[in-house]
Amino acid sequence: MTTIVDDDDDDSSASSVILAFLLGGLTGAALALLYAPRSGQETRDLLSERVRETAERGRELKEQAVGKGRALVDEATQYVDRQKQEIDSRKERFTAAVEAGRQAYREEKQKEGV
């Protein structure tokens, strides 16, 4: 059985994770500045490297979130297509049953009339 999850919840939780990650990175960078026994240039170089690493991790998280979103959309589309096929099949069976009932009615009416 397939469960479809509300996209708003996934978007919200993914956004929260990314925001928390970025805020943690910025907090770590600020603390590193305050407590680092390095020269200004070394600290700036270290910060630049950390910002690049954080940006790369953010891009990776975004790619993962987009991939998961696409997979969910594909799954939902397949589910809807299967449901449409099932409805069409039931509609055809119902139509055939109604037509068989009509035919039986006509045959009985002809027998009565004869």
PDB file of N, CA and C in Angstrom:
ATOM      1  N   MET A   1       0.847  -1.176   0.000  1.00  0.00           N
ATOM      2  CA  MET A   1       0.000   0.000   0.000  1.00  0.00           C
ATOM      3  C   MET A   1       0.884   1.228   0.000  1.00  0.00           C
ATOM      4  N   THR A   2       0.574   2.181  -0.808  1.00  0.00           N
ATOM      5  CA  THR A   2       1.351   3.397  -0.923  1.00  0.00           C
ATOM      6  C   THR A   2       0.691   4.493  -0.108  1.00  0.00           C
ATOM      7  N   THR A   3       1.517   5.217   0.621  1.00  0.00           N
ATOM      8  CA  THR A   3       1.003   6.330   1.404  1.00  0.00           C
ATOM      9  C   THR A   3       1.529   7.612   0.790  1.00  0.00           C
ATOM     10  N   ILE A   4       0.647   8.523   0.533  1.00  0.00           N
ATOM     11  CA  ILE A   4       1.043   9.810  -0.019  1.00  0.00           C
ATOM     12  C   ILE A   4       1.136  10.780   1.145  1.00  0.00           C
ATOM     13  N   VAL A   5       2.295  11.452   1.247  1.00  0.00           N
ATOM     14  CA  VAL A   5       2.534  12.377   2.341  1.00  0.00           C
ATOM     15  C   VAL A   5       2.315  13.787   1.830  1.00  0.00           C
ATOM     16  N   ASP A   6       1.783  14.603   2.668  1.00  0.00           N
ATOM     17  CA  ASP A   6       1.530  15.997   2.318  1.00  0.00           C
ATOM     18  C   ASP A   6       2.853  16.675   1.992  1.00  0.00           C
ATOM     19  N   ASP A   7       2.974  17.263   0.803  1.00  0.00           N
ATOM     20  CA  ASP A   7       4.202  17.924   0.374  1.00  0.00           C
ATOM     21  C   ASP A   7       4.572  19.090   1.271  1.00  0.00           C
ATOM     22  N   ASP A   8       3.587  19.782   1.850  1.00  0.00           N
ATOM     23  CA  ASP A   8       3.880  20.918   2.711  1.00  0.00           C
ATOM     24  C   ASP A   8       4.684  20.483   3.924  1.00  0.00           C
ATOM     25  N   ASP A   9       4.380  19.308   4.482  1.00  0.00           N
ATOM     26  CA  ASP A   9       5.113  18.806   5.638  1.00  0.00           C
ATOM     27  C   ASP A   9       6.546  18.488   5.253  1.00  0.00           C
ATOM     28  N   ASP A  10       6.751  17.850   4.094  1.00  0.00           N
ATOM     29  CA  ASP A  10       8.098  17.523   3.647  1.00  0.00           C
ATOM     30  C   ASP A  10       8.903  18.781   3.375  1.00  0.00           C
ATOM     31  N   ASP A  11       8.289  19.756   2.707  1.00  0.00           N
ATOM     32  CA  ASP A  11       8.976  21.005   2.417  1.00  0.00           C
ATOM     33  C   ASP A  11       9.357  21.713   3.698  1.00  0.00           C
ATOM     34  N   SER A  12       8.459  21.726   4.657  1.00  0.00           N
ATOM     35  CA  SER A  12       8.701  22.402   5.922  1.00  0.00           C
ATOM     36  C   SER A  12       9.828  21.730   6.691  1.00  0.00           C
ATOM     37  N   SER A  13       9.810  20.395   6.767  1.00  0.00           N
ATOM     38  CA  SER A  13      10.848  19.696   7.518  1.00  0.00           C
ATOM     39  C   SER A  13      12.200  19.813   6.800  1.00  0.00           C
ATOM     40  N   ALA A  14      12.207  19.743   5.490  1.00  0.00           N
ATOM     41  CA  ALA A  14      13.462  19.893   4.743  1.00  0.00           C
ATOM     42  C   ALA A  14      14.011  21.300   4.917  1.00  0.00           C
ATOM     43  N   SER A  15      13.152  22.293   4.884  1.00  0.00           N
ATOM     44  CA  SER A  15      13.583  23.670   5.081  1.00  0.00           C
ATOM     45  C   SER A  15      14.125  23.864   6.486  1.00  0.00           C
ATOM     46  N   SER A  16      13.490  23.243   7.466  1.00  0.00           N
ATOM     47  CA  SER A  16      13.937  23.357   8.858  1.00  0.00           C
ATOM     48  C   SER A  16      15.319  22.739   9.025  1.00  0.00           C
ATOM     49  N   VAL A  17      15.531  21.591   8.398  1.00  0.00           N
ATOM     50  CA  VAL A  17      16.832  20.928   8.505  1.00  0.00           C
ATOM     51  C   VAL A  17      17.921  21.793   7.867  1.00  0.00           C
ATOM     52  N   ILE A  18      17.634  22.314   6.698  1.00  0.00           N
ATOM     53  CA  ILE A  18      18.623  23.144   6.006  1.00  0.00           C
ATOM     54  C   ILE A  18      18.903  24.412   6.800  1.00  0.00           C
ATOM     55  N   LEU A  19      17.863  25.066   7.308  1.00  0.00           N
ATOM     56  CA  LEU A  19      18.031  26.277   8.105  1.00  0.00           C
ATOM     57  C   LEU A  19      18.838  25.984   9.358  1.00  0.00           C
ATOM     58  N   ALA A  20      18.530  24.896  10.067  1.00  0.00           N
ATOM     59  CA  ALA A  20      19.268  24.542  11.276  1.00  0.00           C
ATOM     60  C   ALA A  20      20.734  24.269  10.943  1.00  0.00           C
ATOM     61  N   PHE A  21      20.965  23.591   9.834  1.00  0.00           N
ATOM     62  CA  PHE A  21      22.326  23.300   9.412  1.00  0.00           C
ATOM     63  C   PHE A  21      23.114  24.581   9.149  1.00  0.00           C
ATOM     64  N   LEU A  22      22.502  25.492   8.406  1.00  0.00           N
ATOM     65  CA  LEU A  22      23.183  26.746   8.079  1.00  0.00           C
ATOM     66  C   LEU A  22      23.417  27.600   9.321  1.00  0.00           C
ATOM     67  N   LEU A  23      22.428  27.666  10.202  1.00  0.00           N
ATOM     68  CA  LEU A  23      22.593  28.431  11.440  1.00  0.00           C
ATOM     69  C   LEU A  23      23.679  27.823  12.316  1.00  0.00           C
ATOM     70  N   GLY A  24      23.760  26.511  12.371  1.00  0.00           N
ATOM     71  CA  GLY A  24      24.822  25.851  13.130  1.00  0.00           C
ATOM     72  C   GLY A  24      26.189  26.178  12.560  1.00  0.00           C
ATOM     73  N   GLY A  25      26.270  26.184  11.236  1.00  0.00           N
ATOM     74  CA  GLY A  25      27.541  26.533  10.597  1.00  0.00           C
ATOM     75  C   GLY A  25      27.968  27.963  10.887  1.00  0.00           C
ATOM     76  N   LEU A  26      27.009  28.873  10.825  1.00  0.00           N
ATOM     77  CA  LEU A  26      27.320  30.276  11.115  1.00  0.00           C
ATOM     78  C   LEU A  26      27.713  30.475  12.575  1.00  0.00           C
ATOM     79  N   THR A  27      27.028  29.787  13.481  1.00  0.00           N
ATOM     80  CA  THR A  27      27.361  29.875  14.905  1.00  0.00           C
ATOM     81  C   THR A  27      28.766  29.337  15.150  1.00  0.00           C
ATOM     82  N   GLY A  28      29.072  28.221  14.547  1.00  0.00           N
ATOM     83  CA  GLY A  28      30.415  27.657  14.677  1.00  0.00           C
ATOM     84  C   GLY A  28      31.480  28.600  14.146  1.00  0.00           C
ATOM     85  N   ALA A  29      31.186  29.246  13.028  1.00  0.00           N
ATOM     86  CA  ALA A  29      32.151  30.193  12.453  1.00  0.00           C
ATOM     87  C   ALA A  29      32.354  31.382  13.380  1.00  0.00           C
ATOM     88  N   ALA A  30      31.274  31.892  13.955  1.00  0.00           N
ATOM     89  CA  ALA A  30      31.382  33.029  14.867  1.00  0.00           C
ATOM     90  C   ALA A  30      32.194  32.655  16.102  1.00  0.00           C
ATOM     91  N   LEU A  31      31.948  31.473  16.658  1.00  0.00           N
ATOM     92  CA  LEU A  31      32.712  31.027  17.828  1.00  0.00           C
ATOM     93  C   LEU A  31      34.186  30.825  17.473  1.00  0.00           C
ATOM     94  N   ALA A  32      34.435  30.328  16.294  1.00  0.00           N
ATOM     95  CA  ALA A  32      35.818  30.141  15.856  1.00  0.00           C
ATOM     96  C   ALA A  32      36.536  31.480  15.795  1.00  0.00           C
ATOM     97  N   LEU A  33      35.852  32.508  15.343  1.00  0.00           N
ATOM     98  CA  LEU A  33      36.452  33.848  15.290  1.00  0.00           C
ATOM     99  C   LEU A  33      36.789  34.363  16.681  1.00  0.00           C
ATOM    100  N   LEU A  34      35.874  34.150  17.590  1.00  0.00           N
ATOM    101  CA  LEU A  34      36.058  34.671  18.943  1.00  0.00           C
ATOM    102  C   LEU A  34      37.165  33.964  19.708  1.00  0.00           C
ATOM    103  N   TYR A  35      37.308  32.669  19.515  1.00  0.00           N
ATOM    104  CA  TYR A  35      38.235  31.892  20.340  1.00  0.00           C
ATOM    105  C   TYR A  35      39.451  31.370  19.583  1.00  0.00           C
ATOM    106  N   ALA A  36      39.632  31.754  18.359  1.00  0.00           N
ATOM    107  CA  ALA A  36      40.742  31.236  17.560  1.00  0.00           C
ATOM    108  C   ALA A  36      42.043  31.974  17.885  1.00  0.00           C
ATOM    109  N   PRO A  37      43.102  31.216  18.222  1.00  0.00           N
ATOM    110  CA  PRO A  37      44.403  31.846  18.466  1.00  0.00           C
ATOM    111  C   PRO A  37      45.209  31.956  17.174  1.00  0.00           C
ATOM    112  N   ARG A  38      44.579  32.455  16.149  1.00  0.00           N
ATOM    113  CA  ARG A  38      45.232  32.579  14.847  1.00  0.00           C
ATOM    114  C   ARG A  38      45.313  34.052  14.463  1.00  0.00           C
ATOM    115  N   SER A  39      46.106  34.290  13.435  1.00  0.00           N
ATOM    116  CA  SER A  39      46.180  35.650  12.914  1.00  0.00           C
ATOM    117  C   SER A  39      44.905  35.955  12.142  1.00  0.00           C
ATOM    118  N   GLY A  40      44.687  37.198  11.848  1.00  0.00           N
ATOM    119  CA  GLY A  40      43.501  37.617  11.105  1.00  0.00           C
ATOM    120  C   GLY A  40      43.398  36.944   9.754  1.00  0.00           C
ATOM    121  N   GLN A  41      44.518  36.869   9.028  1.00  0.00           N
ATOM    122  CA  GLN A  41      44.514  36.247   7.703  1.00  0.00           C
ATOM    123  C   GLN A  41      44.203  34.763   7.811  1.00  0.00           C
ATOM    124  N   GLU A  42      44.804  34.078   8.772  1.00  0.00           N
ATOM    125  CA  GLU A  42      44.534  32.651   8.942  1.00  0.00           C
ATOM    126  C   GLU A  42      43.053  32.420   9.274  1.00  0.00           C
ATOM    127  N   THR A  43      42.521  33.290  10.122  1.00  0.00           N
ATOM    128  CA  THR A  43      41.115  33.168  10.514  1.00  0.00           C
ATOM    129  C   THR A  43      40.204  33.400   9.319  1.00  0.00           C
ATOM    130  N   ARG A  44      40.530  34.412   8.508  1.00  0.00           N
ATOM    131  CA  ARG A  44      39.723  34.681   7.309  1.00  0.00           C
ATOM    132  C   ARG A  44      39.791  33.516   6.331  1.00  0.00           C
ATOM    133  N   ASP A  45      40.978  32.963   6.157  1.00  0.00           N
ATOM    134  CA  ASP A  45      41.128  31.806   5.264  1.00  0.00           C
ATOM    135  C   ASP A  45      40.314  30.616   5.785  1.00  0.00           C
ATOM    136  N   LEU A  46      40.378  30.382   7.077  1.00  0.00           N
ATOM    137  CA  LEU A  46      39.625  29.290   7.681  1.00  0.00           C
ATOM    138  C   LEU A  46      38.129  29.512   7.507  1.00  0.00           C
ATOM    139  N   LEU A  47      37.699  30.745   7.743  1.00  0.00           N
ATOM    140  CA  LEU A  47      36.279  31.069   7.579  1.00  0.00           C
ATOM    141  C   LEU A  47      35.833  30.891   6.131  1.00  0.00           C
ATOM    142  N   SER A  48      36.646  31.324   5.196  1.00  0.00           N
ATOM    143  CA  SER A  48      36.307  31.171   3.779  1.00  0.00           C
ATOM    144  C   SER A  48      36.138  29.703   3.431  1.00  0.00           C
ATOM    145  N   GLU A  49      37.051  28.871   3.926  1.00  0.00           N
ATOM    146  CA  GLU A  49      36.954  27.443   3.669  1.00  0.00           C
ATOM    147  C   GLU A  49      35.683  26.860   4.272  1.00  0.00           C
ATOM    148  N   ARG A  50      35.363  27.266   5.497  1.00  0.00           N
ATOM    149  CA  ARG A  50      34.141  26.758   6.155  1.00  0.00           C
ATOM    150  C   ARG A  50      32.880  27.220   5.412  1.00  0.00           C
ATOM    151  N   VAL A  51      32.883  28.430   4.929  1.00  0.00           N
ATOM    152  CA  VAL A  51      31.726  28.927   4.178  1.00  0.00           C
ATOM    153  C   VAL A  51      31.555  28.126   2.892  1.00  0.00           C
ATOM    154  N   ARG A  52      32.667  27.845   2.214  1.00  0.00           N
ATOM    155  CA  ARG A  52      32.602  27.035   0.997  1.00  0.00           C
ATOM    156  C   ARG A  52      32.076  25.626   1.309  1.00  0.00           C
ATOM    157  N   GLU A  53      32.580  25.035   2.387  1.00  0.00           N
ATOM    158  CA  GLU A  53      32.117  23.697   2.773  1.00  0.00           C
ATOM    159  C   GLU A  53      30.624  23.708   3.098  1.00  0.00           C
ATOM    160  N   THR A  54      30.198  24.732   3.845  1.00  0.00           N
ATOM    161  CA  THR A  54      28.785  24.838   4.212  1.00  0.00           C
ATOM    162  C   THR A  54      27.918  25.034   2.974  1.00  0.00           C
ATOM    163  N   ALA A  55      28.374  25.856   2.043  1.00  0.00           N
ATOM    164  CA  ALA A  55      27.622  26.080   0.809  1.00  0.00           C
ATOM    165  C   ALA A  55      27.516  24.779   0.012  1.00  0.00           C
ATOM    166  N   GLU A  56      28.584  24.011  -0.036  1.00  0.00           N
ATOM    167  CA  GLU A  56      28.567  22.739  -0.755  1.00  0.00           C
ATOM    168  C   GLU A  56      27.600  21.756  -0.093  1.00  0.00           C
ATOM    169  N   ARG A  57      27.642  21.692   1.218  1.00  0.00           N
ATOM    170  CA  ARG A  57      26.709  20.806   1.927  1.00  0.00           C
ATOM    171  C   ARG A  57      25.266  21.249   1.686  1.00  0.00           C
ATOM    172  N   GLY A  58      25.042  22.546   1.662  1.00  0.00           N
ATOM    173  CA  GLY A  58      23.700  23.066   1.382  1.00  0.00           C
ATOM    174  C   GLY A  58      23.227  22.667  -0.005  1.00  0.00           C
ATOM    175  N   ARG A  59      24.123  22.738  -0.987  1.00  0.00           N
ATOM    176  CA  ARG A  59      23.767  22.321  -2.350  1.00  0.00           C
ATOM    177  C   ARG A  59      23.449  20.822  -2.390  1.00  0.00           C
ATOM    178  N   GLU A  60      24.246  20.028  -1.667  1.00  0.00           N
ATOM    179  CA  GLU A  60      23.997  18.588  -1.633  1.00  0.00           C
ATOM    180  C   GLU A  60      22.639  18.288  -1.003  1.00  0.00           C
ATOM    181  N   LEU A  61      22.330  18.976   0.105  1.00  0.00           N
ATOM    182  CA  LEU A  61      21.030  18.788   0.749  1.00  0.00           C
ATOM    183  C   LEU A  61      19.894  19.186  -0.175  1.00  0.00           C
ATOM    184  N   LYS A  62      20.079  20.271  -0.899  1.00  0.00           N
ATOM    185  CA  LYS A  62      19.054  20.727  -1.833  1.00  0.00           C
ATOM    186  C   LYS A  62      18.833  19.684  -2.923  1.00  0.00           C
ATOM    187  N   GLU A  63      19.920  19.137  -3.468  1.00  0.00           N
ATOM    188  CA  GLU A  63      19.813  18.121  -4.515  1.00  0.00           C
ATOM    189  C   GLU A  63      19.092  16.884  -3.992  1.00  0.00           C
ATOM    190  N   GLN A  64      19.396  16.491  -2.755  1.00  0.00           N
ATOM    191  CA  GLN A  64      18.721  15.339  -2.161  1.00  0.00           C
ATOM    192  C   GLN A  64      17.234  15.622  -1.984  1.00  0.00           C
ATOM    193  N   ALA A  65      16.908  16.820  -1.507  1.00  0.00           N
ATOM    194  CA  ALA A  65      15.503  17.183  -1.292  1.00  0.00           C
ATOM    195  C   ALA A  65      14.747  17.219  -2.617  1.00  0.00           C
ATOM    196  N   VAL A  66      15.371  17.778  -3.648  1.00  0.00           N
ATOM    197  CA  VAL A  66      14.732  17.833  -4.966  1.00  0.00           C
ATOM    198  C   VAL A  66      14.529  16.418  -5.511  1.00  0.00           C
ATOM    199  N   GLY A  67      15.534  15.560  -5.353  1.00  0.00           N
ATOM    200  CA  GLY A  67      15.413  14.179  -5.816  1.00  0.00           C
ATOM    201  C   GLY A  67      14.292  13.451  -5.099  1.00  0.00           C
ATOM    202  N   LYS A  68      14.207  13.647  -3.791  1.00  0.00           N
ATOM    203  CA  LYS A  68      13.136  13.001  -3.022  1.00  0.00           C
ATOM    204  C   LYS A  68      11.775  13.550  -3.455  1.00  0.00           C
ATOM    205  N   GLY A  69      11.703  14.849  -3.680  1.00  0.00           N
ATOM    206  CA  GLY A  69      10.449  15.458  -4.131  1.00  0.00           C
ATOM    207  C   GLY A  69      10.008  14.904  -5.475  1.00  0.00           C
ATOM    208  N   ARG A  70      10.947  14.754  -6.377  1.00  0.00           N
ATOM    209  CA  ARG A  70      10.617  14.192  -7.697  1.00  0.00           C
ATOM    210  C   ARG A  70      10.140  12.754  -7.571  1.00  0.00           C
ATOM    211  N   ALA A  71      10.792  11.991  -6.698  1.00  0.00           N
ATOM    212  CA  ALA A  71      10.389  10.602  -6.497  1.00  0.00           C
ATOM    213  C   ALA A  71       8.964  10.542  -5.941  1.00  0.00           C
ATOM    214  N   LEU A  72       8.653  11.433  -5.007  1.00  0.00           N
ATOM    215  CA  LEU A  72       7.301  11.457  -4.441  1.00  0.00           C
ATOM    216  C   LEU A  72       6.264  11.846  -5.491  1.00  0.00           C
ATOM    217  N   VAL A  73       6.610  12.801  -6.334  1.00  0.00           N
ATOM    218  CA  VAL A  73       5.682  13.205  -7.397  1.00  0.00           C
ATOM    219  C   VAL A  73       5.461  12.047  -8.367  1.00  0.00           C
ATOM    220  N   ASP A  74       6.531  11.353  -8.723  1.00  0.00           N
ATOM    221  CA  ASP A  74       6.401  10.197  -9.620  1.00  0.00           C
ATOM    222  C   ASP A  74       5.530   9.112  -8.991  1.00  0.00           C
ATOM    223  N   GLU A  75       5.754   8.860  -7.711  1.00  0.00           N
ATOM    224  CA  GLU A  75       4.962   7.849  -7.005  1.00  0.00           C
ATOM    225  C   GLU A  75       3.488   8.247  -6.965  1.00  0.00           C
ATOM    226  N   ALA A  76       3.222   9.505  -6.682  1.00  0.00           N
ATOM    227  CA  ALA A  76       1.836   9.986  -6.633  1.00  0.00           C
ATOM    228  C   ALA A  76       1.187   9.891  -8.015  1.00  0.00           C
ATOM    229  N   THR A  77       1.929  10.218  -9.049  1.00  0.00           N
ATOM    230  CA  THR A  77       1.402  10.137 -10.415  1.00  0.00           C
ATOM    231  C   THR A  77       1.056   8.700 -10.769  1.00  0.00           C
ATOM    232  N   GLN A  78       1.926   7.769 -10.405  1.00  0.00           N
ATOM    233  CA  GLN A  78       1.652   6.356 -10.673  1.00  0.00           C
ATOM    234  C   GLN A  78       0.417   5.898  -9.912  1.00  0.00           C
ATOM    235  N   TYR A  79       0.273   6.336  -8.670  1.00  0.00           N
ATOM    236  CA  TYR A  79      -0.890   5.974  -7.857  1.00  0.00           C
ATOM    237  C   TYR A  79      -2.172   6.490  -8.518  1.00  0.00           C
ATOM    238  N   VAL A  80      -2.158   7.742  -8.938  1.00  0.00           N
ATOM    239  CA  VAL A  80      -3.339   8.327  -9.578  1.00  0.00           C
ATOM    240  C   VAL A  80      -3.655   7.589 -10.877  1.00  0.00           C
ATOM    241  N   ASP A  81      -2.650   7.251 -11.652  1.00  0.00           N
ATOM    242  CA  ASP A  81      -2.873   6.520 -12.901  1.00  0.00           C
ATOM    243  C   ASP A  81      -3.495   5.143 -12.634  1.00  0.00           C
ATOM    244  N   ARG A  82      -2.988   4.453 -11.600  1.00  0.00           N
ATOM    245  CA  ARG A  82      -3.565   3.144 -11.262  1.00  0.00           C
ATOM    246  C   ARG A  82      -5.028   3.293 -10.842  1.00  0.00           C
ATOM    247  N   GLN A  83      -5.331   4.334 -10.082  1.00  0.00           N
ATOM    248  CA  GLN A  83      -6.705   4.546  -9.635  1.00  0.00           C
ATOM    249  C   GLN A  83      -7.623   4.868 -10.815  1.00  0.00           C
ATOM    250  N   LYS A  84      -7.123   5.652 -11.769  1.00  0.00           N
ATOM    251  CA  LYS A  84      -7.911   5.955 -12.968  1.00  0.00           C
ATOM    252  C   LYS A  84      -8.202   4.679 -13.751  1.00  0.00           C
ATOM    253  N   GLN A  85      -7.197   3.825 -13.889  1.00  0.00           N
ATOM    254  CA  GLN A  85      -7.391   2.565 -14.608  1.00  0.00           C
ATOM    255  C   GLN A  85      -8.422   1.687 -13.903  1.00  0.00           C
ATOM    256  N   GLU A  86      -8.346   1.639 -12.593  1.00  0.00           N
ATOM    257  CA  GLU A  86      -9.305   0.841 -11.816  1.00  0.00           C
ATOM    258  C   GLU A  86     -10.718   1.387 -11.991  1.00  0.00           C
ATOM    259  N   ILE A  87     -10.869   2.706 -11.950  1.00  0.00           N
ATOM    260  CA  ILE A  87     -12.188   3.323 -12.142  1.00  0.00           C
ATOM    261  C   ILE A  87     -12.715   3.020 -13.539  1.00  0.00           C
ATOM    262  N   ASP A  88     -11.856   3.140 -14.545  1.00  0.00           N
ATOM    263  CA  ASP A  88     -12.279   2.824 -15.922  1.00  0.00           C
ATOM    264  C   ASP A  88     -12.711   1.368 -16.038  1.00  0.00           C
ATOM    265  N   SER A  89     -11.975   0.470 -15.409  1.00  0.00           N
ATOM    266  CA  SER A  89     -12.319  -0.955 -15.450  1.00  0.00           C
ATOM    267  C   SER A  89     -13.670  -1.200 -14.790  1.00  0.00           C
ATOM    268  N   ARG A  90     -13.886  -0.591 -13.637  1.00  0.00           N
ATOM    269  CA  ARG A  90     -15.175  -0.763 -12.943  1.00  0.00           C
ATOM    270  C   ARG A  90     -16.319  -0.151 -13.749  1.00  0.00           C
ATOM    271  N   LYS A  91     -16.043   0.964 -14.392  1.00  0.00           N
ATOM    272  CA  LYS A  91     -17.069   1.616 -15.221  1.00  0.00           C
ATOM    273  C   LYS A  91     -17.459   0.702 -16.381  1.00  0.00           C
ATOM    274  N   GLU A  92     -16.466   0.087 -17.018  1.00  0.00           N
ATOM    275  CA  GLU A  92     -16.742  -0.830 -18.127  1.00  0.00           C
ATOM    276  C   GLU A  92     -17.554  -2.032 -17.660  1.00  0.00           C
ATOM    277  N   ARG A  93     -17.189  -2.600 -16.505  1.00  0.00           N
ATOM    278  CA  ARG A  93     -17.941  -3.745 -15.972  1.00  0.00           C
ATOM    279  C   ARG A  93     -19.370  -3.344 -15.632  1.00  0.00           C
ATOM    280  N   PHE A  94     -19.540  -2.174 -15.049  1.00  0.00           N
ATOM    281  CA  PHE A  94     -20.877  -1.693 -14.694  1.00  0.00           C
ATOM    282  C   PHE A  94     -21.718  -1.495 -15.949  1.00  0.00           C
ATOM    283  N   THR A  95     -21.127  -0.859 -16.963  1.00  0.00           N
ATOM    284  CA  THR A  95     -21.837  -0.640 -18.229  1.00  0.00           C
ATOM    285  C   THR A  95     -22.234  -1.970 -18.853  1.00  0.00           C
ATOM    286  N   ALA A  96     -21.335  -2.955 -18.834  1.00  0.00           N
ATOM    287  CA  ALA A  96     -21.643  -4.278 -19.391  1.00  0.00           C
ATOM    288  C   ALA A  96     -22.767  -4.941 -18.595  1.00  0.00           C
ATOM    289  N   ALA A  97     -22.750  -4.784 -17.272  1.00  0.00           N
ATOM    290  CA  ALA A  97     -23.800  -5.382 -16.445  1.00  0.00           C
ATOM    291  C   ALA A  97     -25.145  -4.722 -16.725  1.00  0.00           C
ATOM    292  N   VAL A  98     -25.160  -3.412 -16.875  1.00  0.00           N
ATOM    293  CA  VAL A  98     -26.408  -2.705 -17.188  1.00  0.00           C
ATOM    294  C   VAL A  98     -26.934  -3.149 -18.541  1.00  0.00           C
ATOM    295  N   GLU A  99     -26.050  -3.260 -19.508  1.00  0.00           N
ATOM    296  CA  GLU A  99     -26.472  -3.686 -20.843  1.00  0.00           C
ATOM    297  C   GLU A  99     -26.999  -5.125 -20.812  1.00  0.00           C
ATOM    298  N   ALA A 100     -26.356  -5.997 -20.031  1.00  0.00           N
ATOM    299  CA  ALA A 100     -26.840  -7.373 -19.909  1.00  0.00           C
ATOM    300  C   ALA A 100     -28.220  -7.385 -19.258  1.00  0.00           C
ATOM    301  N   GLY A 101     -28.422  -6.530 -18.269  1.00  0.00           N
ATOM    302  CA  GLY A 101     -29.741  -6.426 -17.626  1.00  0.00           C
ATOM    303  C   GLY A 101     -30.791  -5.948 -18.602  1.00  0.00           C
ATOM    304  N   ARG A 102     -30.468  -4.982 -19.415  1.00  0.00           N
ATOM    305  CA  ARG A 102     -31.409  -4.487 -20.427  1.00  0.00           C
ATOM    306  C   ARG A 102     -31.768  -5.577 -21.424  1.00  0.00           C
ATOM    307  N   GLN A 103     -30.735  -6.304 -21.848  1.00  0.00           N
ATOM    308  CA  GLN A 103     -30.962  -7.385 -22.819  1.00  0.00           C
ATOM    309  C   GLN A 103     -31.855  -8.459 -22.215  1.00  0.00           C
ATOM    310  N   ALA A 104     -31.600  -8.808 -20.961  1.00  0.00           N
ATOM    311  CA  ALA A 104     -32.436  -9.821 -20.301  1.00  0.00           C
ATOM    312  C   ALA A 104     -33.870  -9.323 -20.174  1.00  0.00           C
ATOM    313  N   TYR A 105     -34.033  -8.058 -19.878  1.00  0.00           N
ATOM    314  CA  TYR A 105     -35.371  -7.465 -19.770  1.00  0.00           C
ATOM    315  C   TYR A 105     -36.092  -7.548 -21.113  1.00  0.00           C
ATOM    316  N   ARG A 106     -35.384  -7.192 -22.182  1.00  0.00           N
ATOM    317  CA  ARG A 106     -35.988  -7.245 -23.518  1.00  0.00           C
ATOM    318  C   ARG A 106     -36.403  -8.669 -23.877  1.00  0.00           C
ATOM    319  N   GLU A 107     -35.556  -9.629 -23.571  1.00  0.00           N
ATOM    320  CA  GLU A 107     -35.858 -11.031 -23.886  1.00  0.00           C
ATOM    321  C   GLU A 107     -37.086 -11.509 -23.109  1.00  0.00           C
ATOM    322  N   GLU A 108     -37.173 -11.155 -21.834  1.00  0.00           N
ATOM    323  CA  GLU A 108     -38.334 -11.546 -21.016  1.00  0.00           C
ATOM    324  C   GLU A 108     -39.604 -10.883 -21.531  1.00  0.00           C
ATOM    325  N   LYS A 109     -39.485  -9.638 -21.928  1.00  0.00           N
ATOM    326  CA  LYS A 109     -40.646  -8.917 -22.455  1.00  0.00           C
ATOM    327  C   LYS A 109     -41.129  -9.567 -23.749  1.00  0.00           C
ATOM    328  N   GLN A 110     -40.204 -10.015 -24.595  1.00  0.00           N
ATOM    329  CA  GLN A 110     -40.564 -10.690 -25.846  1.00  0.00           C
ATOM    330  C   GLN A 110     -41.236 -12.028 -25.560  1.00  0.00           C
ATOM    331  N   LYS A 111     -40.754 -12.756 -24.555  1.00  0.00           N
ATOM    332  CA  LYS A 111     -41.383 -14.030 -24.199  1.00  0.00           C
ATOM    333  C   LYS A 111     -42.807 -13.840 -23.717  1.00  0.00           C
ATOM    334  N   GLU A 112     -43.019 -12.790 -22.946  1.00  0.00           N
ATOM    335  CA  GLU A 112     -44.354 -12.487 -22.438  1.00  0.00           C
ATOM    336  C   GLU A 112     -45.295 -12.083 -23.591  1.00  0.00           C
ATOM    337  N   GLY A 113     -44.753 -11.386 -24.550  1.00  0.00           N
ATOM    338  CA  GLY A 113     -45.555 -10.905 -25.664  1.00  0.00           C
ATOM    339  C   GLY A 113     -45.899 -11.999 -26.666  1.00  0.00           C
ATOM    340  N   VAL A 114     -45.178 -13.047 -26.681  1.00  0.00           N
ATOM    341  CA  VAL A 114     -45.391 -14.136 -27.653  1.00  0.00           C
ATOM    342  C   VAL A 114     -46.493 -15.047 -27.248  1.00  0.00           C
TER     343      VAL A 114
END
